[in-house]
Amino acid sequence: MRIDKLKAELSKAREKAAEWQARAKEIERQITELENTEILQMVRGVAASPEELRELLDWIRTAKELPQMDSAKKEDFERENKNG
């Protein structure tokens, strides 16, 4: 019957979809692993103490947050960091 054939086809399609989804997750895991390895190699290549690296990362994080501040807050922040 046509219905049975379609049900079988649907079942196969769902199996394939699950396989592709699992493959996509595996590829995402591999990408993350390679990115992490790359980051570690860059960090190890910098001649800085862990404290210096932490300060650098804090500075980068702060720099990314500055565009989101309104102008008054940004001026206050810059004034505080200029004097301190």
Protein backbone atom coordinates (compact mmCIF):
# COMPACT_ATOMS: atom_id res chain seq x y z
CA MET A 1 0.00 0.00 0.00
CA ARG A 2 1.02 3.54 -0.62
CA ILE A 3 0.61 4.53 3.06
CA ASP A 4 3.01 1.81 4.24
CA LYS A 5 5.57 2.85 1.67
CA LEU A 6 5.35 6.50 2.78
CA LYS A 7 5.63 5.50 6.45
CA ALA A 8 8.77 3.50 5.68
CA GLU A 9 10.20 6.42 3.72
CA LEU A 10 9.41 8.77 6.60
CA SER A 11 11.13 6.45 9.05
CA LYS A 12 14.26 6.32 6.88
CA ALA A 13 14.22 10.09 6.47
CA ARG A 14 14.03 10.55 10.26
CA GLU A 15 16.95 8.16 10.73
CA LYS A 16 19.00 10.10 8.20
CA ALA A 17 18.05 13.39 9.86
CA ALA A 18 19.22 12.04 13.22
CA GLU A 19 22.50 10.89 11.64
CA TRP A 20 23.07 14.30 10.05
CA GLN A 21 22.23 16.06 13.31
CA ALA A 22 24.73 13.88 15.18
CA ARG A 23 27.34 14.59 12.49
CA ALA A 24 26.72 18.34 12.74
CA LYS A 25 27.19 18.20 16.53
CA GLU A 26 30.43 16.27 16.09
CA ILE A 27 31.72 18.82 13.60
CA GLU A 28 30.79 21.66 15.99
CA ARG A 29 32.69 19.85 18.77
CA GLN A 30 35.76 19.48 16.56
CA ILE A 31 35.63 23.15 15.59
CA THR A 32 35.43 24.19 19.25
CA GLU A 33 38.33 21.90 20.12
CA LEU A 34 40.50 23.35 17.34
CA GLU A 35 39.58 26.93 18.30
CA ASN A 36 40.49 26.22 21.92
CA THR A 37 43.81 24.69 20.88
CA GLU A 38 44.54 27.72 18.72
CA ILE A 39 43.73 30.09 21.59
CA LEU A 40 45.96 28.15 23.97
CA GLN A 41 48.85 28.27 21.51
CA MET A 42 48.45 32.04 21.15
CA VAL A 43 48.28 32.54 24.92
CA ARG A 44 51.33 30.37 25.50
CA GLY A 45 53.18 32.33 22.82
CA VAL A 46 52.76 35.57 24.77
CA ALA A 47 55.54 36.27 27.24
CA ALA A 48 53.28 37.48 30.03
CA SER A 49 52.31 36.32 33.48
CA PRO A 50 48.81 34.97 34.11
CA GLU A 51 48.00 38.22 35.92
CA GLU A 52 49.10 40.29 32.93
CA LEU A 53 47.03 38.15 30.59
CA ARG A 54 44.02 38.53 32.89
CA GLU A 55 44.46 42.32 32.87
CA LEU A 56 44.72 42.31 29.08
CA LEU A 57 41.54 40.25 28.74
CA ASP A 58 39.75 42.56 31.19
CA TRP A 59 40.89 45.55 29.13
CA ILE A 60 39.59 43.94 25.92
CA ARG A 61 36.28 43.07 27.58
CA THR A 62 35.93 46.65 28.83
CA ALA A 63 36.76 48.06 25.39
CA LYS A 64 33.96 45.97 23.89
CA GLU A 65 31.51 47.22 26.51
CA LEU A 66 32.32 50.92 25.97
CA PRO A 67 30.35 51.33 22.72
CA GLN A 68 27.27 50.08 24.53
CA MET A 69 27.49 52.73 27.26
CA ASP A 70 25.69 56.01 26.81
CA SER A 71 27.97 59.03 26.35
CA ALA A 72 27.71 60.31 29.96
CA LYS A 73 28.66 56.93 31.41
CA LYS A 74 31.46 56.57 28.87
CA GLU A 75 32.90 59.99 29.82
CA ASP A 76 32.74 59.09 33.53
CA PHE A 77 34.44 55.78 32.88
CA GLU A 78 37.19 57.34 30.78
CA ARG A 79 37.74 60.11 33.35
CA GLU A 80 38.04 57.56 36.18
CA ASN A 81 40.50 55.42 34.26
CA LYS A 82 42.55 58.38 33.08
CA ASN A 83 43.06 59.63 36.61
CA GLY A 84 43.34 56.22 38.25
